[in-house]
Amino acid sequence: MLTYYLEAAMRHAEYEQSTEGSWWGHIPNFKGLWADGESQEVCRAELKSALEDWVLFSLRRQLPVPIVDGIDLTVTEVA
């Protein structure tokens, strides 16, 4: 499920090119998550890596993560 979640989140990524030619990317609703790179492809790879770290950190700390395309990674306690 994690792989599907990451792939779905990356489909929502937005990229912008600076006037200097470098690229900046982020994914809406993922607060504080962004990456940059010398090309759009490098930026995308950096963003994917940052997303993986962001999600794993958030889940480990029991912080909320956005629901993406109906995929909810919220861990509920089992009694």
C-alpha atoms as a PDB file:
ATOM      1  CA  MET A   1       0.000   0.000   0.000  1.00  0.00           C
ATOM      2  CA  LEU A   2       2.872   2.394   0.745  1.00  0.00           C
ATOM      3  CA  THR A   3       4.158   2.113  -2.822  1.00  0.00           C
ATOM      4  CA  TYR A   4       0.718   2.963  -4.229  1.00  0.00           C
ATOM      5  CA  TYR A   5       0.476   5.913  -1.846  1.00  0.00           C
ATOM      6  CA  LEU A   6       3.859   7.307  -2.889  1.00  0.00           C
ATOM      7  CA  GLU A   7       3.063   6.872  -6.583  1.00  0.00           C
ATOM      8  CA  ALA A   8      -0.315   8.582  -6.137  1.00  0.00           C
ATOM      9  CA  ALA A   9       1.240  11.492  -4.250  1.00  0.00           C
ATOM     10  CA  MET A  10       3.896  11.958  -6.936  1.00  0.00           C
ATOM     11  CA  ARG A  11       1.160  12.232  -9.583  1.00  0.00           C
ATOM     12  CA  HIS A  12       0.076  15.421  -7.784  1.00  0.00           C
ATOM     13  CA  ALA A  13       3.565  16.951  -7.788  1.00  0.00           C
ATOM     14  CA  GLU A  14       3.897  20.446  -9.192  1.00  0.00           C
ATOM     15  CA  TYR A  15       7.105  21.835 -10.691  1.00  0.00           C
ATOM     16  CA  GLU A  16       8.323  25.312 -11.553  1.00  0.00           C
ATOM     17  CA  GLN A  17      11.447  26.420 -13.346  1.00  0.00           C
ATOM     18  CA  SER A  18      13.324  29.392 -11.952  1.00  0.00           C
ATOM     19  CA  THR A  19      14.628  32.199 -14.118  1.00  0.00           C
ATOM     20  CA  GLU A  20      18.122  30.757 -13.540  1.00  0.00           C
ATOM     21  CA  GLY A  21      17.038  27.408 -15.014  1.00  0.00           C
ATOM     22  CA  SER A  22      16.874  25.246 -11.897  1.00  0.00           C
ATOM     23  CA  TRP A  23      13.677  23.440 -10.910  1.00  0.00           C
ATOM     24  CA  TRP A  24      11.599  23.490  -7.724  1.00  0.00           C
ATOM     25  CA  GLY A  25       8.867  21.013  -6.869  1.00  0.00           C
ATOM     26  CA  HIS A  26       6.308  20.351  -4.163  1.00  0.00           C
ATOM     27  CA  ILE A  27       3.193  18.277  -3.541  1.00  0.00           C
ATOM     28  CA  PRO A  28       0.092  20.165  -2.385  1.00  0.00           C
ATOM     29  CA  ASN A  29      -1.132  19.269   1.133  1.00  0.00           C
ATOM     30  CA  PHE A  30       2.285  17.941   2.207  1.00  0.00           C
ATOM     31  CA  LYS A  31       3.352  20.759   4.500  1.00  0.00           C
ATOM     32  CA  GLY A  32       7.046  21.569   4.323  1.00  0.00           C
ATOM     33  CA  LEU A  33       7.794  19.029   1.599  1.00  0.00           C
ATOM     34  CA  TRP A  34       9.710  20.377  -1.380  1.00  0.00           C
ATOM     35  CA  ALA A  35      12.818  19.676  -3.446  1.00  0.00           C
ATOM     36  CA  ASP A  36      14.932  21.344  -6.075  1.00  0.00           C
ATOM     37  CA  GLY A  37      17.338  20.256  -8.769  1.00  0.00           C
ATOM     38  CA  GLU A  38      19.246  21.296 -11.839  1.00  0.00           C
ATOM     39  CA  SER A  39      16.682  19.630 -14.120  1.00  0.00           C
ATOM     40  CA  GLN A  40      13.071  18.597 -13.757  1.00  0.00           C
ATOM     41  CA  GLU A  41      14.098  14.936 -13.667  1.00  0.00           C
ATOM     42  CA  VAL A  42      16.625  15.547 -10.874  1.00  0.00           C
ATOM     43  CA  CYS A  43      14.041  17.593  -8.999  1.00  0.00           C
ATOM     44  CA  ARG A  44      11.499  14.781  -9.364  1.00  0.00           C
ATOM     45  CA  ALA A  45      13.960  12.201  -8.001  1.00  0.00           C
ATOM     46  CA  GLU A  46      14.805  14.456  -5.048  1.00  0.00           C
ATOM     47  CA  LEU A  47      11.115  15.099  -4.380  1.00  0.00           C
ATOM     48  CA  LYS A  48      10.339  11.374  -4.408  1.00  0.00           C
ATOM     49  CA  SER A  49      13.132  10.706  -1.924  1.00  0.00           C
ATOM     50  CA  ALA A  50      11.995  13.575   0.302  1.00  0.00           C
ATOM     51  CA  LEU A  51       8.398  12.292   0.130  1.00  0.00           C
ATOM     52  CA  GLU A  52       9.451   8.828   1.285  1.00  0.00           C
ATOM     53  CA  ASP A  53      11.352  10.318   4.235  1.00  0.00           C
ATOM     54  CA  TRP A  54       8.491  12.705   5.061  1.00  0.00           C
ATOM     55  CA  VAL A  55       5.883   9.936   5.110  1.00  0.00           C
ATOM     56  CA  LEU A  56       7.996   7.492   7.131  1.00  0.00           C
ATOM     57  CA  PHE A  57       8.941  10.191   9.644  1.00  0.00           C
ATOM     58  CA  SER A  58       5.310  11.265  10.002  1.00  0.00           C
ATOM     59  CA  LEU A  59       4.047   7.715  10.478  1.00  0.00           C
ATOM     60  CA  ARG A  60       6.787   6.920  12.986  1.00  0.00           C
ATOM     61  CA  ARG A  61       5.855  10.012  15.000  1.00  0.00           C
ATOM     62  CA  GLN A  62       2.136   9.219  14.617  1.00  0.00           C
ATOM     63  CA  LEU A  63       1.603  12.496  12.773  1.00  0.00           C
ATOM     64  CA  PRO A  64      -1.229  12.779  10.259  1.00  0.00           C
ATOM     65  CA  VAL A  65      -0.487  12.260   6.581  1.00  0.00           C
ATOM     66  CA  PRO A  66      -2.818  13.446   3.817  1.00  0.00           C
ATOM     67  CA  ILE A  67      -5.231  11.021   2.209  1.00  0.00           C
ATOM     68  CA  VAL A  68      -4.200  10.754  -1.448  1.00  0.00           C
ATOM     69  CA  ASP A  69      -6.560   9.448  -4.115  1.00  0.00           C
ATOM     70  CA  GLY A  70      -8.525   7.586  -1.440  1.00  0.00           C
ATOM     71  CA  ILE A  71      -5.437   5.961   0.093  1.00  0.00           C
ATOM     72  CA  ASP A  72      -5.342   6.536   3.844  1.00  0.00           C
ATOM     73  CA  LEU A  73      -2.214   5.509   5.753  1.00  0.00           C
ATOM     74  CA  THR A  74      -3.669   6.463   9.132  1.00  0.00           C
ATOM     75  CA  VAL A  75      -2.800   3.805  11.667  1.00  0.00           C
ATOM     76  CA  THR A  76      -5.619   3.033  14.031  1.00  0.00           C
ATOM     77  CA  GLU A  77      -5.108   1.288  17.321  1.00  0.00           C
ATOM     78  CA  VAL A  78      -6.274  -2.285  17.516  1.00  0.00           C
ATOM     79  CA  ALA A  79      -7.884  -3.233  20.812  1.00  0.00           C
END
